[in-house]
Amino acid sequence: MEANNWYVITGGPSSGKTTLLDTLSNAGHTTVPEAARVLIDKEIQNGLTIEEIRKDEDTFQQKVLELKLESERNLDAQSLIFFDRGIPDTEAYLLLHNFEIRPTLTEAMKGCHYKKVFLLDPVIFETDYARIETEEQRIKLQKLLEESYTKLGFEVVKVPVLPVAERAKFILENL
């Protein structure tokens, strides 16, 4: 794998990814927001509902993948960067919804490079305007995320439920 200084923070819905990334960003670290939420926010601003945006989950996930790839192409591999989800997250979501894994995703996963992956243990399950998964799907997704990264040879570090400042410290101590 190509050397870089990129780290993925992932986990099922309601695992605290965004809050943790906000904490890291506020401490001066470079973070990349979740592509799915960026896409959802843009489409909502254009007048669509979450139901309209995600009515075709396969197409939605392909758009998310495109955003992730575009984002990574424009970043310095040597900069310390934390990502809210990485490219293999797309595979986990497609598998969750029983969709076929397309060759474009397989190639993208072969070409993605992260120094380490931090898998957050879930906290209290909550839904919001963009989070539509059920508790059952969240549990399944957590397993699929770990499998997607592990099969690619990434080191996956499980991050326990802790106060957000302690989670940030745990991650920084385990880079």
C-alpha atoms as a PDB file:
ATOM      1  CA  MET A   1       0.000   0.000   0.000  1.00  0.00           C
ATOM      2  CA  GLU A   2       1.027   3.547  -0.731  1.00  0.00           C
ATOM      3  CA  ALA A   3       2.333   5.377   2.319  1.00  0.00           C
ATOM      4  CA  ASN A   4       0.245   8.238   3.635  1.00  0.00           C
ATOM      5  CA  ASN A   5      -0.850   9.776   6.885  1.00  0.00           C
ATOM      6  CA  TRP A   6      -4.606   9.247   6.578  1.00  0.00           C
ATOM      7  CA  TYR A   7      -6.872   7.679   9.190  1.00  0.00           C
ATOM      8  CA  VAL A   8     -10.491   6.582   8.931  1.00  0.00           C
ATOM      9  CA  ILE A   9     -12.973   6.943  11.743  1.00  0.00           C
ATOM     10  CA  THR A  10     -15.920   4.671  11.074  1.00  0.00           C
ATOM     11  CA  GLY A  11     -18.709   2.824  12.793  1.00  0.00           C
ATOM     12  CA  GLY A  12     -22.407   2.266  12.511  1.00  0.00           C
ATOM     13  CA  PRO A  13     -24.951   5.061  12.812  1.00  0.00           C
ATOM     14  CA  SER A  14     -24.928   6.759  16.227  1.00  0.00           C
ATOM     15  CA  SER A  15     -21.393   5.722  17.055  1.00  0.00           C
ATOM     16  CA  GLY A  16     -20.236   9.299  17.598  1.00  0.00           C
ATOM     17  CA  LYS A  17     -18.133   9.759  14.444  1.00  0.00           C
ATOM     18  CA  THR A  18     -19.201  13.307  13.655  1.00  0.00           C
ATOM     19  CA  THR A  19     -18.892  14.492  17.256  1.00  0.00           C
ATOM     20  CA  LEU A  20     -15.439  12.926  17.521  1.00  0.00           C
ATOM     21  CA  LEU A  21     -14.297  14.437  14.218  1.00  0.00           C
ATOM     22  CA  ASP A  22     -15.579  17.845  15.329  1.00  0.00           C
ATOM     23  CA  THR A  23     -13.490  17.470  18.493  1.00  0.00           C
ATOM     24  CA  LEU A  24     -10.393  16.564  16.467  1.00  0.00           C
ATOM     25  CA  SER A  25     -11.018  19.471  14.091  1.00  0.00           C
ATOM     26  CA  ASN A  26     -11.443  21.908  16.987  1.00  0.00           C
ATOM     27  CA  ALA A  27      -8.068  20.682  18.288  1.00  0.00           C
ATOM     28  CA  GLY A  28      -6.476  21.739  14.983  1.00  0.00           C
ATOM     29  CA  HIS A  29      -6.493  18.449  13.063  1.00  0.00           C
ATOM     30  CA  THR A  30      -7.596  18.198   9.444  1.00  0.00           C
ATOM     31  CA  THR A  31     -10.824  16.256   9.029  1.00  0.00           C
ATOM     32  CA  VAL A  32     -12.953  15.265   6.051  1.00  0.00           C
ATOM     33  CA  PRO A  33     -16.722  15.147   6.613  1.00  0.00           C
ATOM     34  CA  GLU A  34     -18.870  12.147   5.770  1.00  0.00           C
ATOM     35  CA  ALA A  35     -19.557  12.211   2.012  1.00  0.00           C
ATOM     36  CA  ALA A  36     -23.085  10.822   2.434  1.00  0.00           C
ATOM     37  CA  ARG A  37     -24.075  13.632   4.782  1.00  0.00           C
ATOM     38  CA  VAL A  38     -22.489  16.232   2.469  1.00  0.00           C
ATOM     39  CA  LEU A  39     -24.534  14.823  -0.419  1.00  0.00           C
ATOM     40  CA  ILE A  40     -27.734  14.661   1.648  1.00  0.00           C
ATOM     41  CA  ASP A  41     -27.310  18.237   2.880  1.00  0.00           C
ATOM     42  CA  LYS A  42     -26.752  19.483  -0.675  1.00  0.00           C
ATOM     43  CA  GLU A  43     -29.815  17.665  -2.005  1.00  0.00           C
ATOM     44  CA  ILE A  44     -32.005  18.905   0.868  1.00  0.00           C
ATOM     45  CA  GLN A  45     -30.881  22.462   0.049  1.00  0.00           C
ATOM     46  CA  ASN A  46     -32.047  21.718  -3.505  1.00  0.00           C
ATOM     47  CA  GLY A  47     -35.519  20.891  -2.164  1.00  0.00           C
ATOM     48  CA  LEU A  48     -35.445  17.090  -2.005  1.00  0.00           C
ATOM     49  CA  THR A  49     -36.567  15.012   0.960  1.00  0.00           C
ATOM     50  CA  ILE A  50     -34.464  12.258   2.540  1.00  0.00           C
ATOM     51  CA  GLU A  51     -36.919   9.740   1.088  1.00  0.00           C
ATOM     52  CA  GLU A  52     -36.386  11.123  -2.410  1.00  0.00           C
ATOM     53  CA  ILE A  53     -32.609  11.239  -1.963  1.00  0.00           C
ATOM     54  CA  ARG A  54     -32.364   7.639  -0.780  1.00  0.00           C
ATOM     55  CA  LYS A  55     -35.216   6.029  -2.718  1.00  0.00           C
ATOM     56  CA  ASP A  56     -32.595   4.346  -4.928  1.00  0.00           C
ATOM     57  CA  GLU A  57     -29.971   3.320  -2.365  1.00  0.00           C
ATOM     58  CA  ASP A  58     -27.685   1.795  -4.994  1.00  0.00           C
ATOM     59  CA  THR A  59     -27.492   5.052  -6.961  1.00  0.00           C
ATOM     60  CA  PHE A  60     -27.130   7.029  -3.733  1.00  0.00           C
ATOM     61  CA  GLN A  61     -24.140   4.904  -2.665  1.00  0.00           C
ATOM     62  CA  GLN A  62     -22.522   5.307  -6.093  1.00  0.00           C
ATOM     63  CA  LYS A  63     -22.776   9.091  -5.746  1.00  0.00           C
ATOM     64  CA  VAL A  64     -21.272   8.883  -2.259  1.00  0.00           C
ATOM     65  CA  LEU A  65     -18.373   6.833  -3.637  1.00  0.00           C
ATOM     66  CA  GLU A  66     -17.745   9.433  -6.343  1.00  0.00           C
ATOM     67  CA  LEU A  67     -17.588  12.173  -3.701  1.00  0.00           C
ATOM     68  CA  LYS A  68     -15.144  10.151  -1.605  1.00  0.00           C
ATOM     69  CA  LEU A  69     -12.879   9.485  -4.579  1.00  0.00           C
ATOM     70  CA  GLU A  70     -12.946  13.132  -5.653  1.00  0.00           C
ATOM     71  CA  SER A  71     -12.135  14.260  -2.120  1.00  0.00           C
ATOM     72  CA  GLU A  72      -9.199  11.874  -1.734  1.00  0.00           C
ATOM     73  CA  ARG A  73      -7.722  12.836  -5.121  1.00  0.00           C
ATOM     74  CA  ASN A  74      -7.406  16.426  -3.924  1.00  0.00           C
ATOM     75  CA  LEU A  75      -5.673  15.770  -0.588  1.00  0.00           C
ATOM     76  CA  ASP A  76      -1.994  15.649   0.360  1.00  0.00           C
ATOM     77  CA  ALA A  77      -1.037  12.078   1.283  1.00  0.00           C
ATOM     78  CA  GLN A  78       1.555  13.329   3.762  1.00  0.00           C
ATOM     79  CA  SER A  79      -0.842  15.493   5.767  1.00  0.00           C
ATOM     80  CA  LEU A  80      -2.377  14.030   8.909  1.00  0.00           C
ATOM     81  CA  ILE A  81      -6.034  13.680   7.938  1.00  0.00           C
ATOM     82  CA  PHE A  82      -8.989  12.033   9.666  1.00  0.00           C
ATOM     83  CA  PHE A  83     -11.861  10.843   7.463  1.00  0.00           C
ATOM     84  CA  ASP A  84     -15.464  10.420   8.566  1.00  0.00           C
ATOM     85  CA  ARG A  85     -15.827   7.067   6.769  1.00  0.00           C
ATOM     86  CA  GLY A  86     -13.581   5.727   4.021  1.00  0.00           C
ATOM     87  CA  ILE A  87     -14.104   4.103   0.649  1.00  0.00           C
ATOM     88  CA  PRO A  88     -14.744   0.574   2.060  1.00  0.00           C
ATOM     89  CA  ASP A  89     -17.736   1.948   3.987  1.00  0.00           C
ATOM     90  CA  THR A  90     -19.542   2.046   0.620  1.00  0.00           C
ATOM     91  CA  GLU A  91     -19.120  -1.708   0.288  1.00  0.00           C
ATOM     92  CA  ALA A  92     -20.574  -2.258   3.756  1.00  0.00           C
ATOM     93  CA  TYR A  93     -23.617  -0.135   2.936  1.00  0.00           C
ATOM     94  CA  LEU A  94     -24.179  -1.893  -0.386  1.00  0.00           C
ATOM     95  CA  LEU A  95     -23.941  -5.295   1.308  1.00  0.00           C
ATOM     96  CA  LEU A  96     -26.320  -4.112   4.033  1.00  0.00           C
ATOM     97  CA  HIS A  97     -28.919  -3.415   1.328  1.00  0.00           C
ATOM     98  CA  ASN A  98     -28.085  -6.561  -0.696  1.00  0.00           C
ATOM     99  CA  PHE A  99     -26.715  -4.714  -3.722  1.00  0.00           C
ATOM    100  CA  GLU A 100     -24.072  -5.969  -6.104  1.00  0.00           C
ATOM    101  CA  ILE A 101     -20.505  -4.764  -5.620  1.00  0.00           C
ATOM    102  CA  ARG A 102     -19.532  -3.141  -8.896  1.00  0.00           C
ATOM    103  CA  PRO A 103     -16.041  -3.374 -10.392  1.00  0.00           C
ATOM    104  CA  THR A 104     -15.586   0.392  -9.913  1.00  0.00           C
ATOM    105  CA  LEU A 105     -15.936  -0.028  -6.152  1.00  0.00           C
ATOM    106  CA  THR A 106     -13.661  -3.079  -6.109  1.00  0.00           C
ATOM    107  CA  GLU A 107     -10.972  -1.084  -7.937  1.00  0.00           C
ATOM    108  CA  ALA A 108     -11.471   1.930  -5.685  1.00  0.00           C
ATOM    109  CA  MET A 109     -11.056  -0.259  -2.602  1.00  0.00           C
ATOM    110  CA  LYS A 110      -7.851  -1.779  -3.994  1.00  0.00           C
ATOM    111  CA  GLY A 111      -6.531   1.736  -4.542  1.00  0.00           C
ATOM    112  CA  CYS A 112      -7.504   3.277  -1.226  1.00  0.00           C
ATOM    113  CA  HIS A 113      -4.766   3.872   1.301  1.00  0.00           C
ATOM    114  CA  TYR A 114      -5.257   4.553   4.979  1.00  0.00           C
ATOM    115  CA  LYS A 115      -2.689   4.218   7.711  1.00  0.00           C
ATOM    116  CA  LYS A 116      -5.200   2.849  10.199  1.00  0.00           C
ATOM    117  CA  VAL A 117      -8.952   2.499  10.716  1.00  0.00           C
ATOM    118  CA  PHE A 118     -10.691   3.340  13.973  1.00  0.00           C
ATOM    119  CA  LEU A 119     -13.990   1.496  14.431  1.00  0.00           C
ATOM    120  CA  LEU A 120     -16.137   3.220  17.037  1.00  0.00           C
ATOM    121  CA  ASP A 121     -18.274   1.133  19.342  1.00  0.00           C
ATOM    122  CA  PRO A 122     -21.856   2.396  19.116  1.00  0.00           C
ATOM    123  CA  VAL A 123     -23.353   4.734  21.666  1.00  0.00           C
ATOM    124  CA  ILE A 124     -27.078   5.403  22.211  1.00  0.00           C
ATOM    125  CA  PHE A 125     -28.999   4.816  18.982  1.00  0.00           C
ATOM    126  CA  GLU A 126     -30.675   7.937  17.640  1.00  0.00           C
ATOM    127  CA  THR A 127     -32.097   8.866  14.274  1.00  0.00           C
ATOM    128  CA  ASP A 128     -31.907  12.284  12.641  1.00  0.00           C
ATOM    129  CA  TYR A 129     -32.818  13.859   9.312  1.00  0.00           C
ATOM    130  CA  ALA A 130     -30.093  11.938   7.452  1.00  0.00           C
ATOM    131  CA  ARG A 131     -29.814   8.735   9.490  1.00  0.00           C
ATOM    132  CA  ILE A 132     -32.519   6.301   8.408  1.00  0.00           C
ATOM    133  CA  GLU A 133     -31.128   2.911   9.450  1.00  0.00           C
ATOM    134  CA  THR A 134     -32.868   0.756  12.026  1.00  0.00           C
ATOM    135  CA  GLU A 135     -31.201  -0.601  15.170  1.00  0.00           C
ATOM    136  CA  GLU A 136     -30.975  -4.021  13.476  1.00  0.00           C
ATOM    137  CA  GLN A 137     -29.280  -2.500  10.424  1.00  0.00           C
ATOM    138  CA  ARG A 138     -26.861  -0.592  12.645  1.00  0.00           C
ATOM    139  CA  ILE A 139     -25.724  -3.820  14.314  1.00  0.00           C
ATOM    140  CA  LYS A 140     -25.302  -5.565  10.953  1.00  0.00           C
ATOM    141  CA  LEU A 141     -23.511  -2.567   9.475  1.00  0.00           C
ATOM    142  CA  GLN A 142     -21.007  -2.494  12.344  1.00  0.00           C
ATOM    143  CA  LYS A 143     -19.957  -6.055  11.455  1.00  0.00           C
ATOM    144  CA  LEU A 144     -19.867  -5.351   7.713  1.00  0.00           C
ATOM    145  CA  LEU A 145     -17.641  -2.306   8.252  1.00  0.00           C
ATOM    146  CA  GLU A 146     -15.103  -4.325  10.202  1.00  0.00           C
ATOM    147  CA  GLU A 147     -15.145  -7.091   7.566  1.00  0.00           C
ATOM    148  CA  SER A 148     -14.746  -4.646   4.660  1.00  0.00           C
ATOM    149  CA  TYR A 149     -11.609  -3.075   6.127  1.00  0.00           C
ATOM    150  CA  THR A 150     -10.105  -6.257   7.563  1.00  0.00           C
ATOM    151  CA  LYS A 151     -10.286  -8.179   4.276  1.00  0.00           C
ATOM    152  CA  LEU A 152      -8.314  -5.364   2.634  1.00  0.00           C
ATOM    153  CA  GLY A 153      -5.562  -5.729   5.216  1.00  0.00           C
ATOM    154  CA  PHE A 154      -6.195  -2.539   7.158  1.00  0.00           C
ATOM    155  CA  GLU A 155      -5.409  -2.437  10.842  1.00  0.00           C
ATOM    156  CA  VAL A 156      -8.764  -1.917  12.558  1.00  0.00           C
ATOM    157  CA  VAL A 157      -8.606  -0.476  16.070  1.00  0.00           C
ATOM    158  CA  LYS A 158     -11.817  -0.736  18.070  1.00  0.00           C
ATOM    159  CA  VAL A 159     -12.575   2.420  20.016  1.00  0.00           C
ATOM    160  CA  PRO A 160     -14.650   1.851  23.154  1.00  0.00           C
ATOM    161  CA  VAL A 161     -17.474   4.074  24.294  1.00  0.00           C
ATOM    162  CA  LEU A 162     -15.828   6.878  26.254  1.00  0.00           C
ATOM    163  CA  PRO A 163     -16.473  10.581  26.730  1.00  0.00           C
ATOM    164  CA  VAL A 164     -15.618  12.321  23.457  1.00  0.00           C
ATOM    165  CA  ALA A 165     -12.416  13.952  24.764  1.00  0.00           C
ATOM    166  CA  GLU A 166     -11.170  10.558  25.942  1.00  0.00           C
ATOM    167  CA  ARG A 167     -12.058   8.980  22.589  1.00  0.00           C
ATOM    168  CA  ALA A 168     -10.050  11.687  20.819  1.00  0.00           C
ATOM    169  CA  LYS A 169      -7.123  11.092  23.163  1.00  0.00           C
ATOM    170  CA  PHE A 170      -7.389   7.311  22.579  1.00  0.00           C
ATOM    171  CA  ILE A 171      -7.186   7.816  18.829  1.00  0.00           C
ATOM    172  CA  LEU A 172      -4.272  10.262  18.984  1.00  0.00           C
ATOM    173  CA  GLU A 173      -2.369   7.874  21.270  1.00  0.00           C
ATOM    174  CA  ASN A 174      -2.946   5.011  18.800  1.00  0.00           C
ATOM    175  CA  LEU A 175      -1.846   6.645  15.536  1.00  0.00           C
END
